[in-house]
Amino acid sequence: LAYREWMVGDTYTIVDMAVWGWCANIDRVLGVEARQDFPHLMRLVDRI
């Protein structure tokens, strides 16, 4: 996601939804501090 707005192509798709399902729970999976390690991914998660 470093150079992409969405996971696939130029539009919001079911892949973004699938990613959001787990990555919105990053605090539970990797801890709160992990958010700063994945800024591009968190941009997508926060946008959704």
All heavy atoms as atom14 arrays in JSON, in Angstrom:
{
  "sequence": "LAYREWMVGDTYTIVDMAVWGWCANIDRVLGVEARQDFPHLMRLVDRI",
  "atom14_mask": [
    [1, 1, 1, 1, 1, 1, 1, 1, 0, 0, 0, 0, 0, 0],
    [1, 1, 1, 1, 1, 0, 0, 0, 0, 0, 0, 0, 0, 0],
    [1, 1, 1, 1, 1, 1, 1, 1, 1, 1, 1, 1, 0, 0],
    [1, 1, 1, 1, 1, 1, 1, 1, 1, 1, 1, 0, 0, 0],
    [1, 1, 1, 1, 1, 1, 1, 1, 1, 0, 0, 0, 0, 0],
    [1, 1, 1, 1, 1, 1, 1, 1, 1, 1, 1, 1, 1, 1],
    [1, 1, 1, 1, 1, 1, 1, 1, 0, 0, 0, 0, 0, 0],
    [1, 1, 1, 1, 1, 1, 1, 0, 0, 0, 0, 0, 0, 0],
    [1, 1, 1, 1, 0, 0, 0, 0, 0, 0, 0, 0, 0, 0],
    [1, 1, 1, 1, 1, 1, 1, 1, 0, 0, 0, 0, 0, 0],
    [1, 1, 1, 1, 1, 1, 1, 0, 0, 0, 0, 0, 0, 0],
    [1, 1, 1, 1, 1, 1, 1, 1, 1, 1, 1, 1, 0, 0],
    [1, 1, 1, 1, 1, 1, 1, 0, 0, 0, 0, 0, 0, 0],
    [1, 1, 1, 1, 1, 1, 1, 1, 0, 0, 0, 0, 0, 0],
    [1, 1, 1, 1, 1, 1, 1, 0, 0, 0, 0, 0, 0, 0],
    [1, 1, 1, 1, 1, 1, 1, 1, 0, 0, 0, 0, 0, 0],
    [1, 1, 1, 1, 1, 1, 1, 1, 0, 0, 0, 0, 0, 0],
    [1, 1, 1, 1, 1, 0, 0, 0, 0, 0, 0, 0, 0, 0],
    [1, 1, 1, 1, 1, 1, 1, 0, 0, 0, 0, 0, 0, 0],
    [1, 1, 1, 1, 1, 1, 1, 1, 1, 1, 1, 1, 1, 1],
    [1, 1, 1, 1, 0, 0, 0, 0, 0, 0, 0, 0, 0, 0],
    [1, 1, 1, 1, 1, 1, 1, 1, 1, 1, 1, 1, 1, 1],
    [1, 1, 1, 1, 1, 1, 0, 0, 0, 0, 0, 0, 0, 0],
    [1, 1, 1, 1, 1, 0, 0, 0, 0, 0, 0, 0, 0, 0],
    [1, 1, 1, 1, 1, 1, 1, 1, 0, 0, 0, 0, 0, 0],
    [1, 1, 1, 1, 1, 1, 1, 1, 0, 0, 0, 0, 0, 0],
    [1, 1, 1, 1, 1, 1, 1, 1, 0, 0, 0, 0, 0, 0],
    [1, 1, 1, 1, 1, 1, 1, 1, 1, 1, 1, 0, 0, 0],
    [1, 1, 1, 1, 1, 1, 1, 0, 0, 0, 0, 0, 0, 0],
    [1, 1, 1, 1, 1, 1, 1, 1, 0, 0, 0, 0, 0, 0],
    [1, 1, 1, 1, 0, 0, 0, 0, 0, 0, 0, 0, 0, 0],
    [1, 1, 1, 1, 1, 1, 1, 0, 0, 0, 0, 0, 0, 0],
    [1, 1, 1, 1, 1, 1, 1, 1, 1, 0, 0, 0, 0, 0],
    [1, 1, 1, 1, 1, 0, 0, 0, 0, 0, 0, 0, 0, 0],
    [1, 1, 1, 1, 1, 1, 1, 1, 1, 1, 1, 0, 0, 0],
    [1, 1, 1, 1, 1, 1, 1, 1, 1, 0, 0, 0, 0, 0],
    [1, 1, 1, 1, 1, 1, 1, 1, 0, 0, 0, 0, 0, 0],
    [1, 1, 1, 1, 1, 1, 1, 1, 1, 1, 1, 0, 0, 0],
    [1, 1, 1, 1, 1, 1, 1, 0, 0, 0, 0, 0, 0, 0],
    [1, 1, 1, 1, 1, 1, 1, 1, 1, 1, 0, 0, 0, 0],
    [1, 1, 1, 1, 1, 1, 1, 1, 0, 0, 0, 0, 0, 0],
    [1, 1, 1, 1, 1, 1, 1, 1, 0, 0, 0, 0, 0, 0],
    [1, 1, 1, 1, 1, 1, 1, 1, 1, 1, 1, 0, 0, 0],
    [1, 1, 1, 1, 1, 1, 1, 1, 0, 0, 0, 0, 0, 0],
    [1, 1, 1, 1, 1, 1, 1, 0, 0, 0, 0, 0, 0, 0],
    [1, 1, 1, 1, 1, 1, 1, 1, 0, 0, 0, 0, 0, 0],
    [1, 1, 1, 1, 1, 1, 1, 1, 1, 1, 1, 0, 0, 0],
    [1, 1, 1, 1, 1, 1, 1, 1, 0, 0, 0, 0, 0, 0]
  ],
  "atom14_positions": [
    [[0.8, -1.22, 0.0], [0.0, 0.0, 0.0], [0.83, 1.28, 0.0], [0.27, 2.37, 0.0], [-0.93, -0.01, 1.22], [-2.1, -1.0, 1.16], [-2.73, -1.19, 2.53], [-3.14, -0.55, 0.14], [0.0, 0.0, 0.0], [0.0, 0.0, 0.0], [0.0, 0.0, 0.0], [0.0, 0.0, 0.0], [0.0, 0.0, 0.0], [0.0, 0.0, 0.0]],
    [[2.14, 1.14, -0.01], [3.0, 2.33, 0.05], [2.74, 3.28, -1.11], [2.83, 4.5, -0.95], [4.46, 1.91, 0.09], [0.0, 0.0, 0.0], [0.0, 0.0, 0.0], [0.0, 0.0, 0.0], [0.0, 0.0, 0.0], [0.0, 0.0, 0.0], [0.0, 0.0, 0.0], [0.0, 0.0, 0.0], [0.0, 0.0, 0.0], [0.0, 0.0, 0.0]],
    [[2.44, 2.74, -2.27], [2.21, 3.57, -3.45], [0.85, 3.3, -4.08], [0.65, 3.53, -5.27], [3.32, 3.32, -4.47], [4.71, 3.55, -3.91], [5.5, 2.47, -3.53], [5.19, 4.84, -3.72], [6.77, 2.67, -2.99], [6.46, 5.05, -3.17], [7.23, 3.97, -2.81], [8.48, 4.17, -2.27], [0.0, 0.0, 0.0], [0.0, 0.0, 0.0]],
    [[-0.08, 2.81, -3.27], [-1.41, 2.5, -3.78], [-2.46, 3.02, -2.82], [-2.28, 2.99, -1.6], [-1.6, 0.97, -3.92], [-0.71, 0.33, -4.96], [-0.87, -1.19, -4.92], [-0.09, -1.85, -5.98], [1.19, -2.17, -5.85], [1.84, -1.9, -4.71], [1.83, -2.76, -6.84], [0.0, 0.0, 0.0], [0.0, 0.0, 0.0], [0.0, 0.0, 0.0]],
    [[-3.58, 3.43, -3.38], [-4.69, 3.91, -2.56], [-5.49, 2.74, -2.0], [-5.96, 2.77, -0.86], [-5.58, 4.83, -3.39], [-6.68, 5.5, -2.61], [-7.46, 6.49, -3.45], [-7.2, 6.58, -4.67], [-8.34, 7.17, -2.89], [0.0, 0.0, 0.0], [0.0, 0.0, 0.0], [0.0, 0.0, 0.0], [0.0, 0.0, 0.0], [0.0, 0.0, 0.0]],
    [[-5.68, 1.71, -2.84], [-6.46, 0.54, -2.46], [-5.65, -0.72, -2.75], [-4.65, -0.67, -3.47], [-7.79, 0.49, -3.23], [-8.65, 1.69, -3.03], [-8.9, 2.69, -3.93], [-9.39, 2.04, -1.85], [-9.74, 3.63, -3.39], [-10.07, 3.25, -2.12], [-9.55, 1.44, -0.6], [-10.89, 3.88, -1.18], [-10.38, 2.06, 0.34], [-11.03, 3.26, 0.05]],
    [[-6.11, -1.86, -2.25], [-5.35, -3.09, -2.38], [-5.28, -3.58, -3.83], [-4.25, -4.1, -4.26], [-5.98, -4.19, -1.51], [-5.66, -4.1, -0.04], [-3.9, -4.31, 0.33], [-3.6, -5.93, -0.34], [0.0, 0.0, 0.0], [0.0, 0.0, 0.0], [0.0, 0.0, 0.0], [0.0, 0.0, 0.0], [0.0, 0.0, 0.0], [0.0, 0.0, 0.0]],
    [[-6.38, -3.44, -4.58], [-6.44, -3.96, -5.94], [-6.96, -2.87, -6.87], [-8.07, -2.36, -6.68], [-7.37, -5.19, -6.03], [-7.43, -5.71, -7.46], [-6.9, -6.29, -5.09], [0.0, 0.0, 0.0], [0.0, 0.0, 0.0], [0.0, 0.0, 0.0], [0.0, 0.0, 0.0], [0.0, 0.0, 0.0], [0.0, 0.0, 0.0], [0.0, 0.0, 0.0]],
    [[-6.16, -2.51, -7.86], [-6.6, -1.51, -8.82], [-6.79, -0.15, -8.19], [-6.14, 0.21, -7.21], [0.0, 0.0, 0.0], [0.0, 0.0, 0.0], [0.0, 0.0, 0.0], [0.0, 0.0, 0.0], [0.0, 0.0, 0.0], [0.0, 0.0, 0.0], [0.0, 0.0, 0.0], [0.0, 0.0, 0.0], [0.0, 0.0, 0.0], [0.0, 0.0, 0.0]],
    [[-7.73, 0.6, -8.75], [-7.97, 1.98, -8.32], [-9.26, 2.14, -7.55], [-9.73, 3.27, -7.35], [-8.0, 2.9, -9.55], [-6.67, 2.9, -10.3], [-5.61, 2.83, -9.64], [-6.71, 2.95, -11.55], [0.0, 0.0, 0.0], [0.0, 0.0, 0.0], [0.0, 0.0, 0.0], [0.0, 0.0, 0.0], [0.0, 0.0, 0.0], [0.0, 0.0, 0.0]],
    [[-9.87, 1.02, -7.14], [-11.18, 1.12, -6.49], [-11.21, 0.31, -5.2], [-10.41, -0.6, -4.98], [-12.29, 0.61, -7.42], [-12.01, -0.77, -7.78], [-12.39, 1.44, -8.69], [0.0, 0.0, 0.0], [0.0, 0.0, 0.0], [0.0, 0.0, 0.0], [0.0, 0.0, 0.0], [0.0, 0.0, 0.0], [0.0, 0.0, 0.0], [0.0, 0.0, 0.0]],
    [[-12.16, 0.63, -4.39], [-12.45, -0.04, -3.12], [-13.11, -1.38, -3.43], [-14.14, -1.43, -4.1], [-13.38, 0.88, -2.34], [-13.92, 0.39, -1.03], [-13.12, -0.23, -0.07], [-15.27, 0.63, -0.71], [-13.66, -0.62, 1.15], [-15.8, 0.26, 0.51], [-15.0, -0.37, 1.44], [-15.52, -0.75, 2.65], [0.0, 0.0, 0.0], [0.0, 0.0, 0.0]],
    [[-12.52, -2.48, -2.96], [-13.02, -3.81, -3.29], [-13.18, -4.66, -2.04], [-12.84, -4.25, -0.92], [-12.08, -4.55, -4.27], [-10.87, -4.89, -3.56], [-11.74, -3.68, -5.48], [0.0, 0.0, 0.0], [0.0, 0.0, 0.0], [0.0, 0.0, 0.0], [0.0, 0.0, 0.0], [0.0, 0.0, 0.0], [0.0, 0.0, 0.0], [0.0, 0.0, 0.0]],
    [[-13.64, -5.88, -2.26], [-13.8, -6.82, -1.16], [-12.46, -7.17, -0.51], [-12.43, -7.58, 0.65], [-14.53, -8.1, -1.6], [-13.8, -8.79, -2.77], [-15.97, -7.8, -1.96], [-14.37, -10.16, -3.13], [0.0, 0.0, 0.0], [0.0, 0.0, 0.0], [0.0, 0.0, 0.0], [0.0, 0.0, 0.0], [0.0, 0.0, 0.0], [0.0, 0.0, 0.0]],
    [[-11.36, -7.0, -1.23], [-10.05, -7.25, -0.6], [-9.79, -6.23, 0.49], [-9.3, -6.56, 1.57], [-8.93, -7.25, -1.65], [-7.57, -7.41, -0.97], [-9.13, -8.37, -2.66], [0.0, 0.0, 0.0], [0.0, 0.0, 0.0], [0.0, 0.0, 0.0], [0.0, 0.0, 0.0], [0.0, 0.0, 0.0], [0.0, 0.0, 0.0], [0.0, 0.0, 0.0]],
    [[-10.12, -4.98, 0.24], [-9.96, -3.95, 1.27], [-10.83, -4.28, 2.48], [-10.4, -4.09, 3.63], [-10.34, -2.59, 0.7], [-9.49, -2.2, -0.49], [-8.27, -2.04, -0.32], [-10.04, -2.08, -1.6], [0.0, 0.0, 0.0], [0.0, 0.0, 0.0], [0.0, 0.0, 0.0], [0.0, 0.0, 0.0], [0.0, 0.0, 0.0], [0.0, 0.0, 0.0]],
    [[-12.04, -4.76, 2.24], [-12.92, -5.15, 3.34], [-12.31, -6.3, 4.14], [-12.35, -6.31, 5.38], [-14.29, -5.55, 2.8], [-15.02, -4.44, 2.1], [-16.6, -5.04, 1.41], [-17.07, -3.64, 0.4], [0.0, 0.0, 0.0], [0.0, 0.0, 0.0], [0.0, 0.0, 0.0], [0.0, 0.0, 0.0], [0.0, 0.0, 0.0], [0.0, 0.0, 0.0]],
    [[-11.76, -7.28, 3.43], [-11.15, -8.43, 4.1], [-9.95, -8.01, 4.93], [-9.76, -8.49, 6.06], [-10.75, -9.47, 3.06], [0.0, 0.0, 0.0], [0.0, 0.0, 0.0], [0.0, 0.0, 0.0], [0.0, 0.0, 0.0], [0.0, 0.0, 0.0], [0.0, 0.0, 0.0], [0.0, 0.0, 0.0], [0.0, 0.0, 0.0], [0.0, 0.0, 0.0]],
    [[-9.14, -7.11, 4.39], [-7.98, -6.6, 5.13], [-8.45, -5.82, 6.36], [-7.91, -5.99, 7.46], [-7.12, -5.71, 4.21], [-6.1, -4.91, 5.02], [-6.41, -6.57, 3.17], [0.0, 0.0, 0.0], [0.0, 0.0, 0.0], [0.0, 0.0, 0.0], [0.0, 0.0, 0.0], [0.0, 0.0, 0.0], [0.0, 0.0, 0.0], [0.0, 0.0, 0.0]],
    [[-9.45, -4.98, 6.18], [-9.96, -4.17, 7.29], [-10.44, -5.03, 8.44], [-10.21, -4.69, 9.62], [-11.1, -3.29, 6.77], [-11.79, -2.48, 7.85], [-11.39, -1.29, 8.38], [-13.03, -2.81, 8.5], [-12.28, -0.86, 9.33], [-13.31, -1.78, 9.42], [-13.92, -3.87, 8.39], [-14.44, -1.78, 10.23], [-15.05, -3.88, 9.2], [-15.3, -2.84, 10.11]],
    [[-11.09, -6.16, 8.14], [-11.63, -7.0, 9.2], [-10.61, -7.35, 10.25], [-10.86, -7.22, 11.46], [0.0, 0.0, 0.0], [0.0, 0.0, 0.0], [0.0, 0.0, 0.0], [0.0, 0.0, 0.0], [0.0, 0.0, 0.0], [0.0, 0.0, 0.0], [0.0, 0.0, 0.0], [0.0, 0.0, 0.0], [0.0, 0.0, 0.0], [0.0, 0.0, 0.0]],
    [[-9.42, -7.79, 9.83], [-8.38, -8.15, 10.78], [-7.52, -6.97, 11.2], [-7.2, -6.8, 12.38], [-7.5, -9.27, 10.22], [-8.07, -10.61, 10.53], [-8.7, -11.47, 9.67], [-8.11, -11.24, 11.82], [-9.13, -12.59, 10.34], [-8.77, -12.49, 11.65], [-7.65, -10.89, 13.08], [-8.98, -13.36, 12.72], [-7.87, -11.75, 14.15], [-8.53, -12.98, 13.96]],
    [[-7.15, -6.12, 10.28], [-6.19, -5.06, 10.6], [-6.78, -3.95, 11.45], [-6.04, -3.22, 12.11], [-5.57, -4.51, 9.32], [-4.57, -5.75, 8.46], [0.0, 0.0, 0.0], [0.0, 0.0, 0.0], [0.0, 0.0, 0.0], [0.0, 0.0, 0.0], [0.0, 0.0, 0.0], [0.0, 0.0, 0.0], [0.0, 0.0, 0.0], [0.0, 0.0, 0.0]],
    [[-8.1, -3.82, 11.45], [-8.73, -2.9, 12.38], [-8.56, -3.36, 13.82], [-8.76, -2.58, 14.76], [-10.22, -2.75, 12.05], [0.0, 0.0, 0.0], [0.0, 0.0, 0.0], [0.0, 0.0, 0.0], [0.0, 0.0, 0.0], [0.0, 0.0, 0.0], [0.0, 0.0, 0.0], [0.0, 0.0, 0.0], [0.0, 0.0, 0.0], [0.0, 0.0, 0.0]],
    [[-8.16, -4.62, 13.99], [-7.93, -5.19, 15.32], [-6.44, -5.35, 15.62], [-6.05, -6.2, 16.42], [-8.63, -6.55, 15.42], [-10.14, -6.42, 15.43], [-10.74, -6.22, 16.47], [-10.75, -6.52, 14.27], [0.0, 0.0, 0.0], [0.0, 0.0, 0.0], [0.0, 0.0, 0.0], [0.0, 0.0, 0.0], [0.0, 0.0, 0.0], [0.0, 0.0, 0.0]],
    [[-5.61, -4.52, 15.01], [-4.17, -4.64, 15.18], [-3.74, -4.52, 16.64], [-2.78, -5.16, 17.08], [-3.42, -3.6, 14.31], [-1.92, -3.91, 14.3], [-3.73, -2.19, 14.75], [-1.13, -3.04, 13.32], [0.0, 0.0, 0.0], [0.0, 0.0, 0.0], [0.0, 0.0, 0.0], [0.0, 0.0, 0.0], [0.0, 0.0, 0.0], [0.0, 0.0, 0.0]],
    [[-4.47, -3.71, 17.43], [-4.11, -3.56, 18.84], [-4.16, -4.9, 19.55], [-3.3, -5.2, 20.39], [-5.06, -2.59, 19.53], [-4.98, -1.18, 18.97], [-4.13, -0.94, 18.09], [-5.76, -0.32, 19.4], [0.0, 0.0, 0.0], [0.0, 0.0, 0.0], [0.0, 0.0, 0.0], [0.0, 0.0, 0.0], [0.0, 0.0, 0.0], [0.0, 0.0, 0.0]],
    [[-5.15, -5.7, 19.25], [-5.33, -7.01, 19.87], [-4.32, -8.03, 19.35], [-3.87, -8.9, 20.07], [-6.75, -7.5, 19.59], [-7.14, -8.79, 20.28], [-7.36, -8.61, 21.74], [-8.06, -9.75, 22.33], [-8.02, -10.06, 23.61], [-7.32, -9.31, 24.45], [-8.69, -11.1, 24.08], [0.0, 0.0, 0.0], [0.0, 0.0, 0.0], [0.0, 0.0, 0.0]],
    [[-3.96, -7.88, 18.08], [-3.07, -8.86, 17.44], [-1.6, -8.58, 17.76], [-0.86, -9.49, 18.16], [-3.28, -8.86, 15.91], [-2.33, -9.85, 15.23], [-4.72, -9.21, 15.56], [0.0, 0.0, 0.0], [0.0, 0.0, 0.0], [0.0, 0.0, 0.0], [0.0, 0.0, 0.0], [0.0, 0.0, 0.0], [0.0, 0.0, 0.0], [0.0, 0.0, 0.0]],
    [[-1.19, -7.33, 17.59], [0.23, -6.99, 17.72], [0.54, -5.95, 18.79], [1.71, -5.69, 19.06], [0.76, -6.48, 16.37], [0.74, -7.47, 15.21], [1.22, -6.8, 13.93], [1.57, -8.71, 15.51], [0.0, 0.0, 0.0], [0.0, 0.0, 0.0], [0.0, 0.0, 0.0], [0.0, 0.0, 0.0], [0.0, 0.0, 0.0], [0.0, 0.0, 0.0]],
    [[-0.5, -5.36, 19.37], [-0.28, -4.33, 20.37], [-0.45, -2.93, 19.8], [-0.24, -2.7, 18.61], [0.0, 0.0, 0.0], [0.0, 0.0, 0.0], [0.0, 0.0, 0.0], [0.0, 0.0, 0.0], [0.0, 0.0, 0.0], [0.0, 0.0, 0.0], [0.0, 0.0, 0.0], [0.0, 0.0, 0.0], [0.0, 0.0, 0.0], [0.0, 0.0, 0.0]],
    [[-0.81, -1.99, 20.65], [-1.09, -0.62, 20.22], [0.1, 0.01, 19.53], [-0.03, 0.75, 18.54], [-1.52, 0.24, 21.43], [-1.75, 1.69, 21.01], [-2.77, -0.33, 22.08], [0.0, 0.0, 0.0], [0.0, 0.0, 0.0], [0.0, 0.0, 0.0], [0.0, 0.0, 0.0], [0.0, 0.0, 0.0], [0.0, 0.0, 0.0], [0.0, 0.0, 0.0]],
    [[1.3, -0.28, 20.03], [2.5, 0.34, 19.48], [2.78, -0.08, 18.04], [3.51, 0.6, 17.31], [3.71, 0.0, 20.34], [4.13, -1.46, 20.34], [3.26, -2.37, 21.18], [2.37, -1.84, 21.9], [3.46, -3.6, 21.13], [0.0, 0.0, 0.0], [0.0, 0.0, 0.0], [0.0, 0.0, 0.0], [0.0, 0.0, 0.0], [0.0, 0.0, 0.0]],
    [[2.17, -1.17, 17.58], [2.43, -1.66, 16.22], [1.85, -0.74, 15.15], [2.28, -0.78, 14.0], [1.87, -3.07, 16.05], [0.0, 0.0, 0.0], [0.0, 0.0, 0.0], [0.0, 0.0, 0.0], [0.0, 0.0, 0.0], [0.0, 0.0, 0.0], [0.0, 0.0, 0.0], [0.0, 0.0, 0.0], [0.0, 0.0, 0.0], [0.0, 0.0, 0.0]],
    [[0.88, 0.09, 15.52], [0.26, 0.97, 14.53], [1.29, 1.84, 13.81], [1.19, 2.08, 12.61], [-0.79, 1.86, 15.2], [-2.06, 1.13, 15.57], [-3.05, 2.03, 16.28], [-4.33, 1.35, 16.41], [-5.33, 1.47, 15.56], [-5.18, 2.27, 14.51], [-6.46, 0.82, 15.73], [0.0, 0.0, 0.0], [0.0, 0.0, 0.0], [0.0, 0.0, 0.0]],
    [[2.26, 2.33, 14.56], [3.24, 3.23, 13.96], [4.18, 2.51, 13.0], [4.84, 3.15, 12.17], [4.07, 3.9, 15.06], [4.9, 2.93, 15.89], [5.59, 3.61, 17.06], [5.47, 4.81, 17.26], [6.31, 2.83, 17.85], [0.0, 0.0, 0.0], [0.0, 0.0, 0.0], [0.0, 0.0, 0.0], [0.0, 0.0, 0.0], [0.0, 0.0, 0.0]],
    [[4.23, 1.19, 13.06], [5.11, 0.43, 12.18], [4.5, 0.19, 10.79], [5.21, -0.22, 9.88], [5.43, -0.93, 12.81], [6.17, -0.79, 14.13], [6.9, 0.21, 14.3], [6.02, -1.68, 14.99], [0.0, 0.0, 0.0], [0.0, 0.0, 0.0], [0.0, 0.0, 0.0], [0.0, 0.0, 0.0], [0.0, 0.0, 0.0], [0.0, 0.0, 0.0]],
    [[3.2, 0.43, 10.66], [2.51, 0.12, 9.4], [1.66, 1.32, 8.96], [0.42, 1.23, 8.88], [1.64, -1.13, 9.57], [2.37, -2.31, 10.12], [2.2, -2.7, 11.45], [3.25, -3.03, 9.33], [2.88, -3.79, 11.97], [3.94, -4.13, 9.84], [3.76, -4.5, 11.17], [0.0, 0.0, 0.0], [0.0, 0.0, 0.0], [0.0, 0.0, 0.0]],
    [[2.28, 2.45, 8.67], [1.51, 3.68, 8.39], [0.62, 3.59, 7.16], [-0.49, 4.14, 7.15], [2.59, 4.75, 8.22], [3.83, 3.98, 7.82], [3.73, 2.68, 8.57], [0.0, 0.0, 0.0], [0.0, 0.0, 0.0], [0.0, 0.0, 0.0], [0.0, 0.0, 0.0], [0.0, 0.0, 0.0], [0.0, 0.0, 0.0], [0.0, 0.0, 0.0]],
    [[1.08, 2.92, 6.11], [0.29, 2.83, 4.88], [-0.94, 1.93, 5.1], [-2.04, 2.23, 4.63], [1.14, 2.3, 3.74], [2.43, 3.04, 3.57], [2.48, 4.39, 3.3], [3.73, 2.62, 3.68], [3.75, 4.78, 3.23], [4.51, 3.72, 3.45], [0.0, 0.0, 0.0], [0.0, 0.0, 0.0], [0.0, 0.0, 0.0], [0.0, 0.0, 0.0]],
    [[-0.73, 0.85, 5.81], [-1.84, -0.05, 6.13], [-2.84, 0.65, 7.04], [-4.06, 0.53, 6.85], [-1.29, -1.31, 6.79], [-2.32, -2.35, 7.26], [-3.2, -2.81, 6.11], [-1.61, -3.53, 7.91], [0.0, 0.0, 0.0], [0.0, 0.0, 0.0], [0.0, 0.0, 0.0], [0.0, 0.0, 0.0], [0.0, 0.0, 0.0], [0.0, 0.0, 0.0]],
    [[-2.36, 1.38, 8.04], [-3.26, 2.08, 8.95], [-4.03, 3.19, 8.24], [-5.17, 3.5, 8.59], [-2.48, 2.63, 10.13], [-1.96, 1.57, 11.1], [-3.3, 0.58, 11.86], [-3.25, -0.91, 10.84], [0.0, 0.0, 0.0], [0.0, 0.0, 0.0], [0.0, 0.0, 0.0], [0.0, 0.0, 0.0], [0.0, 0.0, 0.0], [0.0, 0.0, 0.0]],
    [[-3.42, 3.78, 7.23], [-4.15, 4.77, 6.43], [-5.38, 4.14, 5.8], [-6.47, 4.72, 5.81], [-3.23, 5.34, 5.34], [-3.96, 6.15, 4.27], [-3.02, 6.69, 3.21], [-2.12, 5.7, 2.65], [-2.46, 4.82, 1.73], [-3.69, 4.76, 1.26], [-1.55, 3.96, 1.25], [0.0, 0.0, 0.0], [0.0, 0.0, 0.0], [0.0, 0.0, 0.0]],
    [[-5.21, 2.94, 5.23], [-6.33, 2.23, 4.63], [-7.38, 1.87, 5.69], [-8.58, 2.09, 5.49], [-5.84, 0.95, 3.94], [-6.93, 0.07, 3.33], [-7.48, 0.7, 2.06], [-6.43, -1.33, 3.06], [0.0, 0.0, 0.0], [0.0, 0.0, 0.0], [0.0, 0.0, 0.0], [0.0, 0.0, 0.0], [0.0, 0.0, 0.0], [0.0, 0.0, 0.0]],
    [[-6.93, 1.33, 6.8], [-7.84, 0.91, 7.86], [-8.64, 2.1, 8.39], [-9.86, 2.02, 8.57], [-7.05, 0.23, 9.0], [-7.93, 0.04, 10.24], [-6.49, -1.11, 8.53], [0.0, 0.0, 0.0], [0.0, 0.0, 0.0], [0.0, 0.0, 0.0], [0.0, 0.0, 0.0], [0.0, 0.0, 0.0], [0.0, 0.0, 0.0], [0.0, 0.0, 0.0]],
    [[-7.95, 3.2, 8.64], [-8.63, 4.37, 9.17], [-9.6, 4.97, 8.15], [-10.67, 5.45, 8.52], [-7.61, 5.42, 9.61], [-6.8, 4.98, 10.81], [-7.24, 4.04, 11.51], [-5.72, 5.55, 11.05], [0.0, 0.0, 0.0], [0.0, 0.0, 0.0], [0.0, 0.0, 0.0], [0.0, 0.0, 0.0], [0.0, 0.0, 0.0], [0.0, 0.0, 0.0]],
    [[-9.21, 4.93, 6.89], [-10.09, 5.47, 5.85], [-11.38, 4.68, 5.77], [-12.47, 5.25, 5.68], [-9.37, 5.46, 4.51], [-10.18, 6.06, 3.37], [-9.4, 6.08, 2.09], [-10.14, 6.74, 1.02], [-9.69, 6.87, -0.22], [-8.5, 6.4, -0.55], [-10.43, 7.47, -1.14], [0.0, 0.0, 0.0], [0.0, 0.0, 0.0], [0.0, 0.0, 0.0]],
    [[-11.26, 3.36, 5.79], [-12.46, 2.52, 5.76], [-13.27, 2.71, 7.04], [-14.51, 2.78, 7.01], [-12.08, 1.05, 5.57], [-11.42, 0.83, 4.2], [-13.32, 0.14, 5.71], [-10.88, -0.56, 3.98], [0.0, 0.0, 0.0], [0.0, 0.0, 0.0], [0.0, 0.0, 0.0], [0.0, 0.0, 0.0], [0.0, 0.0, 0.0], [0.0, 0.0, 0.0]]
  ]
}
